[in-house]
Amino acid sequence: MRSLPLFLIAFICIFAGSIYGQSKFDSVTGILIDNTGSMRTQLFWEQSLAKTVVGRIKKESAISLFGFATDSAQPYQRASWAKMIQCSPDRDAVVSHVAKVTTAAGQTKLYDAIRFSAESLRKSPGCENSEATLILISDGEDRASEIRQDELFKLLTETKVKVLVIGLIDELLDEPGFTARSPAKKSKDFLKKLTSLTGGKVVFATKKMTAEEVVTELF
């Protein structure tokens, strides 16, 4: 049997490679729930918000779900990033998993979690080249991350992941110290800059608002 011409073999290889590298979904939306100890009194509220967010994500988009898990391997407990669901079209599975999220003990590594969530959205099989959006539900407090704020902002800009935030800062202290901003002000400033630099948006939810009102304003 005659062998195929070299140019035809090359064309087939290039075509197959391009098909293999294509994303299965045009867009992917990640949801990062801050289920750390400092948020334990607001966990039910976060779950309600996350479920409502899932209902608003367009059907053509895949969804990834992230949160925190206790890491006891270090001298001091850390609440480190945890991947729960990756690049899935199954809304029911995401909602079901959200309902099962429990509080993770340890110092919050929020900046690291944002970083790894963004990187995961870009590397998930089937979502590699998709338009990526990360929705963070958190009070914005970080206690133990390895990555610095400026490094995080640079990474998010380079990866082109848009960040939307539901900020739950009502329970943070609003009184400044002698030499520092109040925890509420510090978190608010961080979340505003995080969303501004990535082309996203932040909504600071109050307890007077319903989950539907918060998510409607976010979208």
C-alpha atoms as a PDB file:
ATOM      1  CA  MET A   1       0.000   0.000   0.000  1.00  0.00           C
ATOM      2  CA  ARG A   2       1.309   3.465  -0.919  1.00  0.00           C
ATOM      3  CA  SER A   3       2.268   5.738   1.987  1.00  0.00           C
ATOM      4  CA  LEU A   4       0.643   9.126   2.436  1.00  0.00           C
ATOM      5  CA  PRO A   5       2.538  12.194   1.173  1.00  0.00           C
ATOM      6  CA  LEU A   6       4.450  14.036   3.880  1.00  0.00           C
ATOM      7  CA  PHE A   7       2.440  17.252   3.447  1.00  0.00           C
ATOM      8  CA  LEU A   8      -0.817  15.330   3.990  1.00  0.00           C
ATOM      9  CA  ILE A   9       0.541  13.661   7.135  1.00  0.00           C
ATOM     10  CA  ALA A  10       1.618  17.065   8.461  1.00  0.00           C
ATOM     11  CA  PHE A  11      -1.824  18.534   7.724  1.00  0.00           C
ATOM     12  CA  ILE A  12      -3.578  15.686   9.554  1.00  0.00           C
ATOM     13  CA  CYS A  13      -1.316  16.107  12.596  1.00  0.00           C
ATOM     14  CA  ILE A  14      -1.892  19.868  12.752  1.00  0.00           C
ATOM     15  CA  PHE A  15      -5.660  19.455  12.343  1.00  0.00           C
ATOM     16  CA  ALA A  16      -5.831  16.750  15.001  1.00  0.00           C
ATOM     17  CA  GLY A  17      -3.763  18.876  17.371  1.00  0.00           C
ATOM     18  CA  SER A  18      -6.007  21.891  16.914  1.00  0.00           C
ATOM     19  CA  ILE A  19      -9.113  19.813  17.586  1.00  0.00           C
ATOM     20  CA  TYR A  20      -7.522  18.258  20.682  1.00  0.00           C
ATOM     21  CA  GLY A  21      -6.588  21.673  22.065  1.00  0.00           C
ATOM     22  CA  GLN A  22     -10.029  23.195  21.579  1.00  0.00           C
ATOM     23  CA  SER A  23     -12.191  23.851  24.616  1.00  0.00           C
ATOM     24  CA  LYS A  24     -15.432  21.953  24.949  1.00  0.00           C
ATOM     25  CA  PHE A  25     -17.145  25.055  26.378  1.00  0.00           C
ATOM     26  CA  ASP A  26     -17.074  28.671  25.208  1.00  0.00           C
ATOM     27  CA  SER A  27     -17.000  29.904  28.793  1.00  0.00           C
ATOM     28  CA  VAL A  28     -16.418  28.624  32.298  1.00  0.00           C
ATOM     29  CA  THR A  29     -17.546  30.178  35.571  1.00  0.00           C
ATOM     30  CA  GLY A  30     -15.833  29.329  38.827  1.00  0.00           C
ATOM     31  CA  ILE A  31     -17.493  29.855  42.196  1.00  0.00           C
ATOM     32  CA  LEU A  32     -15.180  30.185  45.202  1.00  0.00           C
ATOM     33  CA  ILE A  33     -17.014  29.882  48.533  1.00  0.00           C
ATOM     34  CA  ASP A  34     -15.194  31.139  51.620  1.00  0.00           C
ATOM     35  CA  ASN A  35     -16.201  28.388  54.032  1.00  0.00           C
ATOM     36  CA  THR A  36     -13.425  29.186  56.521  1.00  0.00           C
ATOM     37  CA  GLY A  37     -13.941  29.516  60.270  1.00  0.00           C
ATOM     38  CA  SER A  38     -14.353  33.295  60.241  1.00  0.00           C
ATOM     39  CA  MET A  39     -17.319  32.852  57.887  1.00  0.00           C
ATOM     40  CA  ARG A  40     -19.048  30.038  59.808  1.00  0.00           C
ATOM     41  CA  THR A  41     -21.944  32.258  60.964  1.00  0.00           C
ATOM     42  CA  GLN A  42     -22.591  33.239  57.341  1.00  0.00           C
ATOM     43  CA  LEU A  43     -22.142  29.835  55.699  1.00  0.00           C
ATOM     44  CA  PHE A  44     -25.861  29.229  55.138  1.00  0.00           C
ATOM     45  CA  TRP A  45     -26.142  32.690  53.579  1.00  0.00           C
ATOM     46  CA  GLU A  46     -23.163  31.914  51.322  1.00  0.00           C
ATOM     47  CA  GLN A  47     -24.736  28.626  50.232  1.00  0.00           C
ATOM     48  CA  SER A  48     -27.969  30.408  49.343  1.00  0.00           C
ATOM     49  CA  LEU A  49     -26.038  32.979  47.326  1.00  0.00           C
ATOM     50  CA  ALA A  50     -23.997  30.303  45.526  1.00  0.00           C
ATOM     51  CA  LYS A  51     -27.115  28.336  44.561  1.00  0.00           C
ATOM     52  CA  THR A  52     -28.702  31.506  43.215  1.00  0.00           C
ATOM     53  CA  VAL A  53     -25.538  32.272  41.228  1.00  0.00           C
ATOM     54  CA  VAL A  54     -25.678  28.814  39.628  1.00  0.00           C
ATOM     55  CA  GLY A  55     -29.206  29.568  38.435  1.00  0.00           C
ATOM     56  CA  ARG A  56     -28.000  32.747  36.704  1.00  0.00           C
ATOM     57  CA  ILE A  57     -25.028  31.290  34.844  1.00  0.00           C
ATOM     58  CA  LYS A  58     -25.834  30.833  31.169  1.00  0.00           C
ATOM     59  CA  LYS A  59     -26.516  27.273  30.072  1.00  0.00           C
ATOM     60  CA  GLU A  60     -23.650  27.276  27.573  1.00  0.00           C
ATOM     61  CA  SER A  61     -21.117  27.817  30.368  1.00  0.00           C
ATOM     62  CA  ALA A  62     -19.374  25.123  32.364  1.00  0.00           C
ATOM     63  CA  ILE A  63     -19.082  25.554  36.135  1.00  0.00           C
ATOM     64  CA  SER A  64     -16.239  24.849  38.544  1.00  0.00           C
ATOM     65  CA  LEU A  65     -16.713  24.930  42.313  1.00  0.00           C
ATOM     66  CA  PHE A  66     -13.969  25.757  44.810  1.00  0.00           C
ATOM     67  CA  GLY A  67     -13.753  26.217  48.550  1.00  0.00           C
ATOM     68  CA  PHE A  68     -11.456  25.532  51.495  1.00  0.00           C
ATOM     69  CA  ALA A  69     -10.337  22.466  53.438  1.00  0.00           C
ATOM     70  CA  THR A  70      -8.327  22.194  56.657  1.00  0.00           C
ATOM     71  CA  ASP A  71      -4.635  21.547  56.136  1.00  0.00           C
ATOM     72  CA  SER A  72      -3.149  20.183  59.382  1.00  0.00           C
ATOM     73  CA  ALA A  73       0.216  19.244  57.898  1.00  0.00           C
ATOM     74  CA  GLN A  74       1.771  22.579  58.846  1.00  0.00           C
ATOM     75  CA  PRO A  75       2.769  23.697  62.386  1.00  0.00           C
ATOM     76  CA  TYR A  76      -0.383  25.795  62.478  1.00  0.00           C
ATOM     77  CA  GLN A  77      -3.654  24.770  60.874  1.00  0.00           C
ATOM     78  CA  ARG A  78      -4.433  26.461  57.566  1.00  0.00           C
ATOM     79  CA  ALA A  79      -7.681  26.694  55.630  1.00  0.00           C
ATOM     80  CA  SER A  80      -6.291  25.954  52.176  1.00  0.00           C
ATOM     81  CA  TRP A  81      -7.804  25.888  48.707  1.00  0.00           C
ATOM     82  CA  ALA A  82      -9.913  22.888  47.724  1.00  0.00           C
ATOM     83  CA  LYS A  83     -11.202  21.915  44.292  1.00  0.00           C
ATOM     84  CA  MET A  84     -14.717  20.463  44.495  1.00  0.00           C
ATOM     85  CA  ILE A  85     -16.123  20.314  40.939  1.00  0.00           C
ATOM     86  CA  GLN A  86     -14.199  21.010  37.756  1.00  0.00           C
ATOM     87  CA  CYS A  87     -15.529  22.245  34.382  1.00  0.00           C
ATOM     88  CA  SER A  88     -18.960  20.612  34.611  1.00  0.00           C
ATOM     89  CA  PRO A  89     -22.253  21.377  32.834  1.00  0.00           C
ATOM     90  CA  ASP A  90     -24.216  19.568  35.577  1.00  0.00           C
ATOM     91  CA  ARG A  91     -26.019  22.328  37.529  1.00  0.00           C
ATOM     92  CA  ASP A  92     -27.760  19.867  39.830  1.00  0.00           C
ATOM     93  CA  ALA A  93     -24.444  18.327  40.885  1.00  0.00           C
ATOM     94  CA  VAL A  94     -22.997  21.772  41.661  1.00  0.00           C
ATOM     95  CA  VAL A  95     -26.021  22.821  43.734  1.00  0.00           C
ATOM     96  CA  SER A  96     -25.976  19.495  45.582  1.00  0.00           C
ATOM     97  CA  HIS A  97     -22.299  19.935  46.426  1.00  0.00           C
ATOM     98  CA  VAL A  98     -22.840  23.515  47.597  1.00  0.00           C
ATOM     99  CA  ALA A  99     -25.422  22.238  50.093  1.00  0.00           C
ATOM    100  CA  LYS A 100     -22.850  19.830  51.568  1.00  0.00           C
ATOM    101  CA  VAL A 101     -20.088  22.402  52.142  1.00  0.00           C
ATOM    102  CA  THR A 102     -18.978  22.582  55.787  1.00  0.00           C
ATOM    103  CA  THR A 103     -16.701  24.921  57.715  1.00  0.00           C
ATOM    104  CA  ALA A 104     -12.936  24.487  57.296  1.00  0.00           C
ATOM    105  CA  ALA A 105     -10.818  25.292  60.348  1.00  0.00           C
ATOM    106  CA  GLY A 106      -7.503  27.118  60.186  1.00  0.00           C
ATOM    107  CA  GLN A 107      -5.989  30.421  59.131  1.00  0.00           C
ATOM    108  CA  THR A 108      -7.525  31.610  55.858  1.00  0.00           C
ATOM    109  CA  LYS A 109      -5.347  31.471  52.739  1.00  0.00           C
ATOM    110  CA  LEU A 110      -7.723  33.556  50.621  1.00  0.00           C
ATOM    111  CA  TYR A 111      -5.241  35.086  48.183  1.00  0.00           C
ATOM    112  CA  ASP A 112      -3.760  31.665  47.470  1.00  0.00           C
ATOM    113  CA  ALA A 113      -7.252  30.253  46.908  1.00  0.00           C
ATOM    114  CA  ILE A 114      -8.085  32.993  44.403  1.00  0.00           C
ATOM    115  CA  ARG A 115      -4.820  32.300  42.612  1.00  0.00           C
ATOM    116  CA  PHE A 116      -5.320  28.539  42.381  1.00  0.00           C
ATOM    117  CA  SER A 117      -8.971  28.939  41.349  1.00  0.00           C
ATOM    118  CA  ALA A 118      -7.983  31.226  38.477  1.00  0.00           C
ATOM    119  CA  GLU A 119      -5.212  28.869  37.369  1.00  0.00           C
ATOM    120  CA  SER A 120      -7.554  25.890  37.592  1.00  0.00           C
ATOM    121  CA  LEU A 121     -10.115  27.600  35.364  1.00  0.00           C
ATOM    122  CA  ARG A 122      -7.413  28.002  32.722  1.00  0.00           C
ATOM    123  CA  LYS A 123      -6.154  24.411  32.967  1.00  0.00           C
ATOM    124  CA  SER A 124      -9.338  22.368  33.416  1.00  0.00           C
ATOM    125  CA  PRO A 125      -9.740  19.767  30.625  1.00  0.00           C
ATOM    126  CA  GLY A 126     -12.465  20.985  28.294  1.00  0.00           C
ATOM    127  CA  CYS A 127     -12.215  24.577  29.521  1.00  0.00           C
ATOM    128  CA  GLU A 128      -8.587  25.469  28.749  1.00  0.00           C
ATOM    129  CA  ASN A 129      -9.303  28.203  26.195  1.00  0.00           C
ATOM    130  CA  SER A 130     -12.727  29.245  27.438  1.00  0.00           C
ATOM    131  CA  GLU A 131     -13.656  32.739  28.573  1.00  0.00           C
ATOM    132  CA  ALA A 132     -13.148  32.512  32.342  1.00  0.00           C
ATOM    133  CA  THR A 133     -14.974  34.246  35.179  1.00  0.00           C
ATOM    134  CA  LEU A 134     -14.426  33.671  38.889  1.00  0.00           C
ATOM    135  CA  ILE A 135     -17.186  34.547  41.368  1.00  0.00           C
ATOM    136  CA  LEU A 136     -15.889  34.962  44.922  1.00  0.00           C
ATOM    137  CA  ILE A 137     -18.219  34.884  47.938  1.00  0.00           C
ATOM    138  CA  SER A 138     -16.183  36.092  50.912  1.00  0.00           C
ATOM    139  CA  ASP A 139     -15.494  38.790  53.482  1.00  0.00           C
ATOM    140  CA  GLY A 140     -12.147  39.409  51.772  1.00  0.00           C
ATOM    141  CA  GLU A 141      -9.965  38.634  54.800  1.00  0.00           C
ATOM    142  CA  ASP A 142      -6.673  36.825  54.319  1.00  0.00           C
ATOM    143  CA  ARG A 143      -4.568  35.462  57.178  1.00  0.00           C
ATOM    144  CA  ALA A 144      -1.850  33.155  55.836  1.00  0.00           C
ATOM    145  CA  SER A 145      -1.385  33.257  52.040  1.00  0.00           C
ATOM    146  CA  GLU A 146       2.009  32.807  50.443  1.00  0.00           C
ATOM    147  CA  ILE A 147       1.221  35.018  47.467  1.00  0.00           C
ATOM    148  CA  ARG A 148       1.179  38.790  47.997  1.00  0.00           C
ATOM    149  CA  GLN A 149      -1.591  41.092  46.815  1.00  0.00           C
ATOM    150  CA  ASP A 150       0.500  42.671  44.054  1.00  0.00           C
ATOM    151  CA  GLU A 151       1.572  39.238  42.789  1.00  0.00           C
ATOM    152  CA  LEU A 152      -2.042  38.067  42.773  1.00  0.00           C
ATOM    153  CA  PHE A 153      -3.213  41.109  40.817  1.00  0.00           C
ATOM    154  CA  LYS A 154      -0.437  40.575  38.254  1.00  0.00           C
ATOM    155  CA  LEU A 155      -1.315  36.894  37.829  1.00  0.00           C
ATOM    156  CA  LEU A 156      -5.019  37.603  37.352  1.00  0.00           C
ATOM    157  CA  THR A 157      -4.253  40.263  34.762  1.00  0.00           C
ATOM    158  CA  GLU A 158      -1.992  37.874  32.855  1.00  0.00           C
ATOM    159  CA  THR A 159      -4.460  34.973  32.940  1.00  0.00           C
ATOM    160  CA  LYS A 160      -7.350  37.269  31.913  1.00  0.00           C
ATOM    161  CA  VAL A 161      -9.760  35.871  34.479  1.00  0.00           C
ATOM    162  CA  LYS A 162     -12.572  38.293  35.302  1.00  0.00           C
ATOM    163  CA  VAL A 163     -13.429  38.362  39.018  1.00  0.00           C
ATOM    164  CA  LEU A 164     -16.889  39.138  40.379  1.00  0.00           C
ATOM    165  CA  VAL A 165     -17.321  39.394  44.137  1.00  0.00           C
ATOM    166  CA  ILE A 166     -20.139  39.161  46.638  1.00  0.00           C
ATOM    167  CA  GLY A 167     -18.596  40.885  49.637  1.00  0.00           C
ATOM    168  CA  LEU A 168     -19.913  39.886  53.053  1.00  0.00           C
ATOM    169  CA  ILE A 169     -18.172  42.387  55.316  1.00  0.00           C
ATOM    170  CA  ASP A 170     -20.989  43.257  57.746  1.00  0.00           C
ATOM    171  CA  GLU A 171     -19.442  41.180  60.546  1.00  0.00           C
ATOM    172  CA  LEU A 172     -15.936  42.646  60.218  1.00  0.00           C
ATOM    173  CA  LEU A 173     -14.806  45.297  62.693  1.00  0.00           C
ATOM    174  CA  ASP A 174     -15.222  48.781  61.315  1.00  0.00           C
ATOM    175  CA  GLU A 175     -13.002  50.501  63.879  1.00  0.00           C
ATOM    176  CA  PRO A 176      -9.463  51.394  62.738  1.00  0.00           C
ATOM    177  CA  GLY A 177      -6.391  50.792  64.882  1.00  0.00           C
ATOM    178  CA  PHE A 178      -3.746  53.370  65.718  1.00  0.00           C
ATOM    179  CA  THR A 179      -1.628  52.562  62.666  1.00  0.00           C
ATOM    180  CA  ALA A 180      -3.855  50.486  60.407  1.00  0.00           C
ATOM    181  CA  ARG A 181      -7.152  50.493  58.559  1.00  0.00           C
ATOM    182  CA  SER A 182     -10.099  48.684  60.070  1.00  0.00           C
ATOM    183  CA  PRO A 183     -10.567  45.057  58.938  1.00  0.00           C
ATOM    184  CA  ALA A 184     -13.738  46.107  57.105  1.00  0.00           C
ATOM    185  CA  LYS A 185     -11.981  48.948  55.261  1.00  0.00           C
ATOM    186  CA  LYS A 186      -8.989  46.762  54.390  1.00  0.00           C
ATOM    187  CA  SER A 187     -11.201  44.031  52.936  1.00  0.00           C
ATOM    188  CA  LYS A 188     -13.371  46.504  51.087  1.00  0.00           C
ATOM    189  CA  ASP A 189     -10.350  48.150  49.472  1.00  0.00           C
ATOM    190  CA  PHE A 190      -8.920  44.777  48.450  1.00  0.00           C
ATOM    191  CA  LEU A 191     -12.165  43.531  46.896  1.00  0.00           C
ATOM    192  CA  LYS A 192     -12.685  46.788  45.002  1.00  0.00           C
ATOM    193  CA  LYS A 193      -9.179  46.668  43.532  1.00  0.00           C
ATOM    194  CA  LEU A 194      -9.458  42.948  42.763  1.00  0.00           C
ATOM    195  CA  THR A 195     -12.559  43.470  40.646  1.00  0.00           C
ATOM    196  CA  SER A 196     -11.478  46.766  39.102  1.00  0.00           C
ATOM    197  CA  LEU A 197      -8.201  45.366  37.765  1.00  0.00           C
ATOM    198  CA  THR A 198      -9.882  42.309  36.234  1.00  0.00           C
ATOM    199  CA  GLY A 199     -12.848  44.094  34.656  1.00  0.00           C
ATOM    200  CA  GLY A 200     -15.270  42.610  37.189  1.00  0.00           C
ATOM    201  CA  LYS A 201     -17.640  43.957  39.795  1.00  0.00           C
ATOM    202  CA  VAL A 202     -18.192  43.793  43.553  1.00  0.00           C
ATOM    203  CA  VAL A 203     -21.492  43.886  45.401  1.00  0.00           C
ATOM    204  CA  PHE A 204     -21.381  44.389  49.159  1.00  0.00           C
ATOM    205  CA  ALA A 205     -24.382  42.422  50.372  1.00  0.00           C
ATOM    206  CA  THR A 206     -26.307  43.436  53.477  1.00  0.00           C
ATOM    207  CA  LYS A 207     -28.514  41.222  55.596  1.00  0.00           C
ATOM    208  CA  LYS A 208     -31.530  43.211  54.458  1.00  0.00           C
ATOM    209  CA  MET A 209     -31.048  41.962  50.903  1.00  0.00           C
ATOM    210  CA  THR A 210     -32.303  38.647  49.556  1.00  0.00           C
ATOM    211  CA  ALA A 211     -29.989  36.298  47.663  1.00  0.00           C
ATOM    212  CA  GLU A 212     -31.943  37.075  44.511  1.00  0.00           C
ATOM    213  CA  GLU A 213     -31.423  40.827  44.961  1.00  0.00           C
ATOM    214  CA  VAL A 214     -27.693  40.424  45.530  1.00  0.00           C
ATOM    215  CA  VAL A 215     -27.143  38.181  42.522  1.00  0.00           C
ATOM    216  CA  THR A 216     -29.341  40.345  40.287  1.00  0.00           C
ATOM    217  CA  GLU A 217     -27.169  43.350  41.149  1.00  0.00           C
ATOM    218  CA  LEU A 218     -23.995  41.323  40.545  1.00  0.00           C
ATOM    219  CA  PHE A 219     -25.029  40.212  37.075  1.00  0.00           C
END
